[in-house]
Amino acid sequence: MDSAGEERVARNEAAFRKVNEAIEQGRQTREGFVGFVCECGRLGCNEIIDLTLPEYEAVRADARRFAVRRGHEVGVEEVI
């Protein structure tokens, strides 16, 4: 992936993280789960990932990690 593509992925991930931070602030839970937006770099992705608040906070503990639906990884991302 070229640097322009990597930059686009990073912008998309950051934008989705802002959405998820707002969701986290609202703490609207459904049986302990919160619907977070997939933070992948794919244009137009609007899939929801059900995570508990502690699960999402664990992802957020490292600013370089994002909540990405399995199978939505792109070339620069590593699944952990």
PDB file of N, CA and C in Angstrom:
ATOM      1  N   MET A   1       0.863  -1.171   0.000  1.00  0.00           N
ATOM      2  CA  MET A   1       0.000   0.000   0.000  1.00  0.00           C
ATOM      3  C   MET A   1       0.905   1.229   0.000  1.00  0.00           C
ATOM      4  N   ASP A   2       0.572   2.211  -0.838  1.00  0.00           N
ATOM      5  CA  ASP A   2       1.389   3.422  -0.896  1.00  0.00           C
ATOM      6  C   ASP A   2       1.071   4.351   0.281  1.00  0.00           C
ATOM      7  N   SER A   3       1.862   5.408   0.427  1.00  0.00           N
ATOM      8  CA  SER A   3       1.698   6.302   1.585  1.00  0.00           C
ATOM      9  C   SER A   3       0.352   7.027   1.570  1.00  0.00           C
ATOM     10  N   ALA A   4      -0.184   7.325   0.389  1.00  0.00           N
ATOM     11  CA  ALA A   4      -1.502   7.973   0.315  1.00  0.00           C
ATOM     12  C   ALA A   4      -2.584   7.023   0.818  1.00  0.00           C
ATOM     13  N   GLY A   5      -2.470   5.755   0.478  1.00  0.00           N
ATOM     14  CA  GLY A   5      -3.423   4.761   0.957  1.00  0.00           C
ATOM     15  C   GLY A   5      -3.332   4.568   2.457  1.00  0.00           C
ATOM     16  N   GLU A   6      -2.109   4.536   2.977  1.00  0.00           N
ATOM     17  CA  GLU A   6      -1.921   4.409   4.423  1.00  0.00           C
ATOM     18  C   GLU A   6      -2.494   5.612   5.161  1.00  0.00           C
ATOM     19  N   GLU A   7      -2.336   6.791   4.577  1.00  0.00           N
ATOM     20  CA  GLU A   7      -2.873   8.009   5.195  1.00  0.00           C
ATOM     21  C   GLU A   7      -4.403   7.969   5.215  1.00  0.00           C
ATOM     22  N   ARG A   8      -5.018   7.489   4.141  1.00  0.00           N
ATOM     23  CA  ARG A   8      -6.473   7.373   4.079  1.00  0.00           C
ATOM     24  C   ARG A   8      -6.982   6.412   5.138  1.00  0.00           C
ATOM     25  N   VAL A   9      -6.297   5.282   5.277  1.00  0.00           N
ATOM     26  CA  VAL A   9      -6.683   4.303   6.285  1.00  0.00           C
ATOM     27  C   VAL A   9      -6.618   4.941   7.675  1.00  0.00           C
ATOM     28  N   ALA A  10      -5.540   5.654   7.954  1.00  0.00           N
ATOM     29  CA  ALA A  10      -5.375   6.291   9.264  1.00  0.00           C
ATOM     30  C   ALA A  10      -6.469   7.323   9.516  1.00  0.00           C
ATOM     31  N   ARG A  11      -6.841   8.101   8.500  1.00  0.00           N
ATOM     32  CA  ARG A  11      -7.915   9.097   8.662  1.00  0.00           C
ATOM     33  C   ARG A  11      -9.251   8.415   8.945  1.00  0.00           C
ATOM     34  N   ASN A  12      -9.538   7.340   8.213  1.00  0.00           N
ATOM     35  CA  ASN A  12     -10.793   6.606   8.441  1.00  0.00           C
ATOM     36  C   ASN A  12     -10.832   6.031   9.847  1.00  0.00           C
ATOM     37  N   GLU A  13      -9.733   5.423  10.271  1.00  0.00           N
ATOM     38  CA  GLU A  13      -9.700   4.837  11.609  1.00  0.00           C
ATOM     39  C   GLU A  13      -9.914   5.902  12.675  1.00  0.00           C
ATOM     40  N   ALA A  14      -9.268   7.046  12.512  1.00  0.00           N
ATOM     41  CA  ALA A  14      -9.411   8.124  13.494  1.00  0.00           C
ATOM     42  C   ALA A  14     -10.839   8.653  13.529  1.00  0.00           C
ATOM     43  N   ALA A  15     -11.480   8.766  12.379  1.00  0.00           N
ATOM     44  CA  ALA A  15     -12.861   9.260  12.331  1.00  0.00           C
ATOM     45  C   ALA A  15     -13.802   8.287  13.042  1.00  0.00           C
ATOM     46  N   PHE A  16     -13.635   6.997  12.790  1.00  0.00           N
ATOM     47  CA  PHE A  16     -14.493   6.009  13.441  1.00  0.00           C
ATOM     48  C   PHE A  16     -14.226   5.948  14.938  1.00  0.00           C
ATOM     49  N   ARG A  17     -12.981   6.186  15.330  1.00  0.00           N
ATOM     50  CA  ARG A  17     -12.679   6.204  16.765  1.00  0.00           C
ATOM     51  C   ARG A  17     -13.462   7.325  17.443  1.00  0.00           C
ATOM     52  N   LYS A  18     -13.572   8.492  16.809  1.00  0.00           N
ATOM     53  CA  LYS A  18     -14.343   9.599  17.395  1.00  0.00           C
ATOM     54  C   LYS A  18     -15.802   9.203  17.586  1.00  0.00           C
ATOM     55  N   VAL A  19     -16.363   8.510  16.616  1.00  0.00           N
ATOM     56  CA  VAL A  19     -17.746   8.036  16.733  1.00  0.00           C
ATOM     57  C   VAL A  19     -17.858   7.093  17.925  1.00  0.00           C
ATOM     58  N   ASN A  20     -16.916   6.170  18.040  1.00  0.00           N
ATOM     59  CA  ASN A  20     -16.967   5.199  19.126  1.00  0.00           C
ATOM     60  C   ASN A  20     -16.741   5.836  20.488  1.00  0.00           C
ATOM     61  N   GLU A  21     -15.928   6.872  20.549  1.00  0.00           N
ATOM     62  CA  GLU A  21     -15.749   7.576  21.821  1.00  0.00           C
ATOM     63  C   GLU A  21     -17.071   8.197  22.266  1.00  0.00           C
ATOM     64  N   ALA A  22     -17.831   8.733  21.331  1.00  0.00           N
ATOM     65  CA  ALA A  22     -19.142   9.309  21.662  1.00  0.00           C
ATOM     66  C   ALA A  22     -20.095   8.207  22.135  1.00  0.00           C
ATOM     67  N   ILE A  23     -20.057   7.054  21.478  1.00  0.00           N
ATOM     68  CA  ILE A  23     -20.889   5.928  21.892  1.00  0.00           C
ATOM     69  C   ILE A  23     -20.503   5.508  23.301  1.00  0.00           C
ATOM     70  N   GLU A  24     -19.207   5.402  23.549  1.00  0.00           N
ATOM     71  CA  GLU A  24     -18.724   4.993  24.864  1.00  0.00           C
ATOM     72  C   GLU A  24     -19.193   5.970  25.939  1.00  0.00           C
ATOM     73  N   GLN A  25     -19.166   7.261  25.637  1.00  0.00           N
ATOM     74  CA  GLN A  25     -19.622   8.276  26.593  1.00  0.00           C
ATOM     75  C   GLN A  25     -21.090   8.076  26.933  1.00  0.00           C
ATOM     76  N   GLY A  26     -21.893   7.695  25.942  1.00  0.00           N
ATOM     77  CA  GLY A  26     -23.318   7.482  26.158  1.00  0.00           C
ATOM     78  C   GLY A  26     -23.599   6.195  26.906  1.00  0.00           C
ATOM     79  N   ARG A  27     -22.685   5.242  26.823  1.00  0.00           N
ATOM     80  CA  ARG A  27     -22.795   3.954  27.523  1.00  0.00           C
ATOM     81  C   ARG A  27     -24.164   3.296  27.351  1.00  0.00           C
ATOM     82  N   GLN A  28     -24.666   3.318  26.136  1.00  0.00           N
ATOM     83  CA  GLN A  28     -25.945   2.661  25.871  1.00  0.00           C
ATOM     84  C   GLN A  28     -25.678   1.175  25.697  1.00  0.00           C
ATOM     85  N   THR A  29     -26.024   0.393  26.703  1.00  0.00           N
ATOM     86  CA  THR A  29     -25.695  -1.025  26.667  1.00  0.00           C
ATOM     87  C   THR A  29     -26.910  -1.874  26.337  1.00  0.00           C
ATOM     88  N   ARG A  30     -26.625  -3.038  25.809  1.00  0.00           N
ATOM     89  CA  ARG A  30     -27.633  -4.038  25.492  1.00  0.00           C
ATOM     90  C   ARG A  30     -27.070  -5.352  26.021  1.00  0.00           C
ATOM     91  N   GLU A  31     -27.556  -5.757  27.191  1.00  0.00           N
ATOM     92  CA  GLU A  31     -27.077  -6.973  27.839  1.00  0.00           C
ATOM     93  C   GLU A  31     -25.566  -6.933  28.058  1.00  0.00           C
ATOM     94  N   GLY A  32     -25.043  -5.782  28.478  1.00  0.00           N
ATOM     95  CA  GLY A  32     -23.619  -5.655  28.758  1.00  0.00           C
ATOM     96  C   GLY A  32     -22.783  -5.306  27.551  1.00  0.00           C
ATOM     97  N   PHE A  33     -23.375  -5.340  26.371  1.00  0.00           N
ATOM     98  CA  PHE A  33     -22.629  -5.029  25.158  1.00  0.00           C
ATOM     99  C   PHE A  33     -23.000  -3.642  24.647  1.00  0.00           C
ATOM    100  N   VAL A  34     -22.047  -3.033  23.975  1.00  0.00           N
ATOM    101  CA  VAL A  34     -22.252  -1.736  23.333  1.00  0.00           C
ATOM    102  C   VAL A  34     -21.944  -1.940  21.851  1.00  0.00           C
ATOM    103  N   GLY A  35     -22.752  -1.361  20.988  1.00  0.00           N
ATOM    104  CA  GLY A  35     -22.506  -1.449  19.552  1.00  0.00           C
ATOM    105  C   GLY A  35     -21.530  -0.367  19.125  1.00  0.00           C
ATOM    106  N   PHE A  36     -20.295  -0.767  18.799  1.00  0.00           N
ATOM    107  CA  PHE A  36     -19.276   0.165  18.327  1.00  0.00           C
ATOM    108  C   PHE A  36     -19.140   0.041  16.817  1.00  0.00           C
ATOM    109  N   VAL A  37     -18.816   1.139  16.171  1.00  0.00           N
ATOM    110  CA  VAL A  37     -18.600   1.146  14.726  1.00  0.00           C
ATOM    111  C   VAL A  37     -17.229   0.530  14.440  1.00  0.00           C
ATOM    112  N   CYS A  38     -17.181  -0.337  13.448  1.00  0.00           N
ATOM    113  CA  CYS A  38     -15.912  -0.917  13.016  1.00  0.00           C
ATOM    114  C   CYS A  38     -14.970   0.228  12.658  1.00  0.00           C
ATOM    115  N   GLU A  39     -13.761   0.198  13.191  1.00  0.00           N
ATOM    116  CA  GLU A  39     -12.790   1.267  12.965  1.00  0.00           C
ATOM    117  C   GLU A  39     -11.805   0.936  11.852  1.00  0.00           C
ATOM    118  N   CYS A  40     -12.217   0.073  10.927  1.00  0.00           N
ATOM    119  CA  CYS A  40     -11.321  -0.317   9.838  1.00  0.00           C
ATOM    120  C   CYS A  40     -11.119   0.853   8.876  1.00  0.00           C
ATOM    121  N   GLY A  41     -10.170   0.687   7.991  1.00  0.00           N
ATOM    122  CA  GLY A  41      -9.865   1.732   7.030  1.00  0.00           C
ATOM    123  C   GLY A  41     -10.644   1.638   5.730  1.00  0.00           C
ATOM    124  N   ARG A  42     -11.601   0.732   5.638  1.00  0.00           N
ATOM    125  CA  ARG A  42     -12.376   0.570   4.404  1.00  0.00           C
ATOM    126  C   ARG A  42     -13.345   1.737   4.218  1.00  0.00           C
ATOM    127  N   LEU A  43     -13.338   2.297   3.034  1.00  0.00           N
ATOM    128  CA  LEU A  43     -14.284   3.363   2.735  1.00  0.00           C
ATOM    129  C   LEU A  43     -15.701   2.810   2.766  1.00  0.00           C
ATOM    130  N   GLY A  44     -16.598   3.514   3.419  1.00  0.00           N
ATOM    131  CA  GLY A  44     -17.998   3.133   3.439  1.00  0.00           C
ATOM    132  C   GLY A  44     -18.365   2.058   4.439  1.00  0.00           C
ATOM    133  N   CYS A  45     -17.423   1.556   5.209  1.00  0.00           N
ATOM    134  CA  CYS A  45     -17.762   0.531   6.193  1.00  0.00           C
ATOM    135  C   CYS A  45     -18.559   1.176   7.320  1.00  0.00           C
ATOM    136  N   ASN A  46     -19.676   0.568   7.661  1.00  0.00           N
ATOM    137  CA  ASN A  46     -20.484   1.065   8.778  1.00  0.00           C
ATOM    138  C   ASN A  46     -20.992  -0.105   9.613  1.00  0.00           C
ATOM    139  N   GLU A  47     -20.215  -1.194   9.639  1.00  0.00           N
ATOM    140  CA  GLU A  47     -20.612  -2.372  10.402  1.00  0.00           C
ATOM    141  C   GLU A  47     -20.417  -2.124  11.895  1.00  0.00           C
ATOM    142  N   ILE A  48     -21.212  -2.816  12.684  1.00  0.00           N
ATOM    143  CA  ILE A  48     -21.202  -2.662  14.135  1.00  0.00           C
ATOM    144  C   ILE A  48     -20.519  -3.871  14.768  1.00  0.00           C
ATOM    145  N   ILE A  49     -19.702  -3.598  15.779  1.00  0.00           N
ATOM    146  CA  ILE A  49     -19.044  -4.643  16.558  1.00  0.00           C
ATOM    147  C   ILE A  49     -19.594  -4.543  17.972  1.00  0.00           C
ATOM    148  N   ASP A  50     -20.142  -5.634  18.489  1.00  0.00           N
ATOM    149  CA  ASP A  50     -20.638  -5.656  19.866  1.00  0.00           C
ATOM    150  C   ASP A  50     -19.493  -5.998  20.804  1.00  0.00           C
ATOM    151  N   LEU A  51     -19.158  -5.072  21.684  1.00  0.00           N
ATOM    152  CA  LEU A  51     -18.103  -5.255  22.677  1.00  0.00           C
ATOM    153  C   LEU A  51     -18.618  -4.786  24.021  1.00  0.00           C
ATOM    154  N   THR A  52     -18.057  -5.330  25.078  1.00  0.00           N
ATOM    155  CA  THR A  52     -18.343  -4.772  26.393  1.00  0.00           C
ATOM    156  C   THR A  52     -17.493  -3.514  26.541  1.00  0.00           C
ATOM    157  N   LEU A  53     -17.853  -2.657  27.476  1.00  0.00           N
ATOM    158  CA  LEU A  53     -17.045  -1.456  27.699  1.00  0.00           C
ATOM    159  C   LEU A  53     -15.609  -1.808  28.077  1.00  0.00           C
ATOM    160  N   PRO A  54     -15.385  -2.789  28.958  1.00  0.00           N
ATOM    161  CA  PRO A  54     -13.993  -3.152  29.256  1.00  0.00           C
ATOM    162  C   PRO A  54     -13.216  -3.647  28.038  1.00  0.00           C
ATOM    163  N   GLU A  55     -13.887  -4.381  27.141  1.00  0.00           N
ATOM    164  CA  GLU A  55     -13.212  -4.842  25.919  1.00  0.00           C
ATOM    165  C   GLU A  55     -12.787  -3.659  25.058  1.00  0.00           C
ATOM    166  N   TYR A  56     -13.692  -2.689  24.881  1.00  0.00           N
ATOM    167  CA  TYR A  56     -13.341  -1.532  24.062  1.00  0.00           C
ATOM    168  C   TYR A  56     -12.250  -0.706  24.732  1.00  0.00           C
ATOM    169  N   GLU A  57     -12.331  -0.559  26.047  1.00  0.00           N
ATOM    170  CA  GLU A  57     -11.305   0.198  26.766  1.00  0.00           C
ATOM    171  C   GLU A  57      -9.946  -0.482  26.663  1.00  0.00           C
ATOM    172  N   ALA A  58      -9.915  -1.813  26.596  1.00  0.00           N
ATOM    173  CA  ALA A  58      -8.656  -2.535  26.418  1.00  0.00           C
ATOM    174  C   ALA A  58      -8.047  -2.240  25.047  1.00  0.00           C
ATOM    175  N   VAL A  59      -8.901  -2.150  24.025  1.00  0.00           N
ATOM    176  CA  VAL A  59      -8.412  -1.775  22.692  1.00  0.00           C
ATOM    177  C   VAL A  59      -7.834  -0.372  22.749  1.00  0.00           C
ATOM    178  N   ARG A  60      -8.557   0.541  23.378  1.00  0.00           N
ATOM    179  CA  ARG A  60      -8.157   1.941  23.451  1.00  0.00           C
ATOM    180  C   ARG A  60      -6.937   2.189  24.323  1.00  0.00           C
ATOM    181  N   ALA A  61      -6.552   1.212  25.140  1.00  0.00           N
ATOM    182  CA  ALA A  61      -5.403   1.391  26.033  1.00  0.00           C
ATOM    183  C   ALA A  61      -4.127   1.694  25.249  1.00  0.00           C
ATOM    184  N   ASP A  62      -4.081   1.286  24.002  1.00  0.00           N
ATOM    185  CA  ASP A  62      -2.950   1.575  23.118  1.00  0.00           C
ATOM    186  C   ASP A  62      -3.489   2.391  21.950  1.00  0.00           C
ATOM    187  N   ALA A  63      -3.041   3.635  21.826  1.00  0.00           N
ATOM    188  CA  ALA A  63      -3.556   4.544  20.794  1.00  0.00           C
ATOM    189  C   ALA A  63      -3.340   4.030  19.373  1.00  0.00           C
ATOM    190  N   ARG A  64      -2.483   3.030  19.210  1.00  0.00           N
ATOM    191  CA  ARG A  64      -2.223   2.486  17.875  1.00  0.00           C
ATOM    192  C   ARG A  64      -3.108   1.306  17.541  1.00  0.00           C
ATOM    193  N   ARG A  65      -4.019   0.926  18.462  1.00  0.00           N
ATOM    194  CA  ARG A  65      -4.933  -0.191  18.214  1.00  0.00           C
ATOM    195  C   ARG A  65      -6.331   0.330  17.937  1.00  0.00           C
ATOM    196  N   PHE A  66      -7.046  -0.393  17.070  1.00  0.00           N
ATOM    197  CA  PHE A  66      -8.387  -0.010  16.674  1.00  0.00           C
ATOM    198  C   PHE A  66      -9.289  -1.229  16.718  1.00  0.00           C
ATOM    199  N   ALA A  67     -10.565  -0.996  16.986  1.00  0.00           N
ATOM    200  CA  ALA A  67     -11.560  -2.070  16.986  1.00  0.00           C
ATOM    201  C   ALA A  67     -11.987  -2.315  15.544  1.00  0.00           C
ATOM    202  N   VAL A  68     -11.545  -3.429  14.997  1.00  0.00           N
ATOM    203  CA  VAL A  68     -11.781  -3.745  13.588  1.00  0.00           C
ATOM    204  C   VAL A  68     -12.443  -5.113  13.508  1.00  0.00           C
ATOM    205  N   ARG A  69     -13.544  -5.192  12.762  1.00  0.00           N
ATOM    206  CA  ARG A  69     -14.251  -6.463  12.570  1.00  0.00           C
ATOM    207  C   ARG A  69     -13.323  -7.447  11.862  1.00  0.00           C
ATOM    208  N   ARG A  70     -13.363  -8.690  12.325  1.00  0.00           N
ATOM    209  CA  ARG A  70     -12.532  -9.737  11.704  1.00  0.00           C
ATOM    210  C   ARG A  70     -12.800  -9.766  10.194  1.00  0.00           C
ATOM    211  N   GLY A  71     -11.728  -9.802   9.430  1.00  0.00           N
ATOM    212  CA  GLY A  71     -11.828  -9.820   7.980  1.00  0.00           C
ATOM    213  C   GLY A  71     -11.762  -8.438   7.350  1.00  0.00           C
ATOM    214  N   HIS A  72     -11.766  -7.376   8.160  1.00  0.00           N
ATOM    215  CA  HIS A  72     -11.727  -6.014   7.644  1.00  0.00           C
ATOM    216  C   HIS A  72     -10.325  -5.411   7.699  1.00  0.00           C
ATOM    217  N   GLU A  73      -9.332  -6.212   8.036  1.00  0.00           N
ATOM    218  CA  GLU A  73      -7.980  -5.703   8.097  1.00  0.00           C
ATOM    219  C   GLU A  73      -7.513  -5.326   6.691  1.00  0.00           C
ATOM    220  N   VAL A  74      -6.699  -4.305   6.605  1.00  0.00           N
ATOM    221  CA  VAL A  74      -6.077  -3.947   5.334  1.00  0.00           C
ATOM    222  C   VAL A  74      -4.565  -4.111   5.507  1.00  0.00           C
ATOM    223  N   GLY A  75      -3.831  -3.956   4.434  1.00  0.00           N
ATOM    224  CA  GLY A  75      -2.405  -4.261   4.416  1.00  0.00           C
ATOM    225  C   GLY A  75      -1.554  -3.767   5.568  1.00  0.00           C
ATOM    226  N   VAL A  76      -1.842  -2.624   6.114  1.00  0.00           N
ATOM    227  CA  VAL A  76      -0.983  -2.058   7.160  1.00  0.00           C
ATOM    228  C   VAL A  76      -1.384  -2.477   8.555  1.00  0.00           C
ATOM    229  N   GLU A  77      -2.475  -3.218   8.694  1.00  0.00           N
ATOM    230  CA  GLU A  77      -2.996  -3.570  10.019  1.00  0.00           C
ATOM    231  C   GLU A  77      -2.577  -4.971  10.408  1.00  0.00           C
ATOM    232  N   GLU A  78      -2.417  -5.177  11.719  1.00  0.00           N
ATOM    233  CA  GLU A  78      -2.072  -6.479  12.264  1.00  0.00           C
ATOM    234  C   GLU A  78      -3.119  -6.867  13.297  1.00  0.00           C
ATOM    235  N   VAL A  79      -3.644  -8.057  13.203  1.00  0.00           N
ATOM    236  CA  VAL A  79      -4.659  -8.537  14.141  1.00  0.00           C
ATOM    237  C   VAL A  79      -3.962  -9.043  15.394  1.00  0.00           C
ATOM    238  N   ILE A  80      -4.453  -8.591  16.559  1.00  0.00           N
ATOM    239  CA  ILE A  80      -3.901  -9.100  17.827  1.00  0.00           C
ATOM    240  C   ILE A  80      -5.004  -9.661  18.686  1.00  0.00           C
TER     241      ILE A  80
END
